[in-house]
């Protein structure tokens, strides 16, 4: 896929925390079709920001005040100006070379392109048996509760149109953010497609993911969303009308649904 004036603008959001060494194997490989790269740094002490700016002088850097991947994505999404937003990781596990595959999926009429390691042509060189089992169990729970058919719940390589942000409304701070996004995108009746992706091993450093702690947080967000009521539609409001007219004028009509 080659970039031209007919393509939408694309923003890439990359949360970081002590990923200076890994960025050398990520930032230079982001394809030129990307319009904007936003790095959200969570209190790095290894020169992550300096490394990023050396590699890409035009990169936009946001410093987190709080902590966590959810908070980082919330800040990054709010700063995006592109028509399309792509989420990738800074540790080298998500291949920037796959970005055109996600963009193509959106250009075919989908609202949300979700990466999956378990589709044909996908795979993982990083996931442990324990994490794989947990991902499968939590994914089955989401599929049963919400009537969706995700093959890979806890994978953070996604792309979506920026207009979808109103449906996501991130209000969590940790790694459970990926599950929250997947659930709310489905509950908003947006058109979702899964895209095969190969997860590569982390290159340097240690992951901030903790299997049991973050698995528990994912389970809690699933249960919270399962029993969370959908906000009611605005109620009709009576407006001043001529003396011989008696009717109500609704503030908003029932929004249409996008078929899967």
Foldseek 3Di string as FASTA:
>chain_A
DDADPVAWAEEEEEEDAQLLPLQVVAVVQQDPSHDAYEYEYEPHDNCNVVSVCVVPVRHHYHYDPDDAPLSSVVVVLVPDDTQKYWYDYSQQQFHSVCVVVQSVVVVVPFFKEAEDQPDVVHHEPADDPLLVVLQVVLQVLLCVLQVDDDPGQQDRTMMGGSVCVVQQPRDDGYSLSSNSNVNSCVVQQGGYDYDGGYTYHGDDDDDPDDRPVVSVVNVVSSVCVSPDDDDDDDDWDADDDPPVDDDTDRPDDDDDHHHD
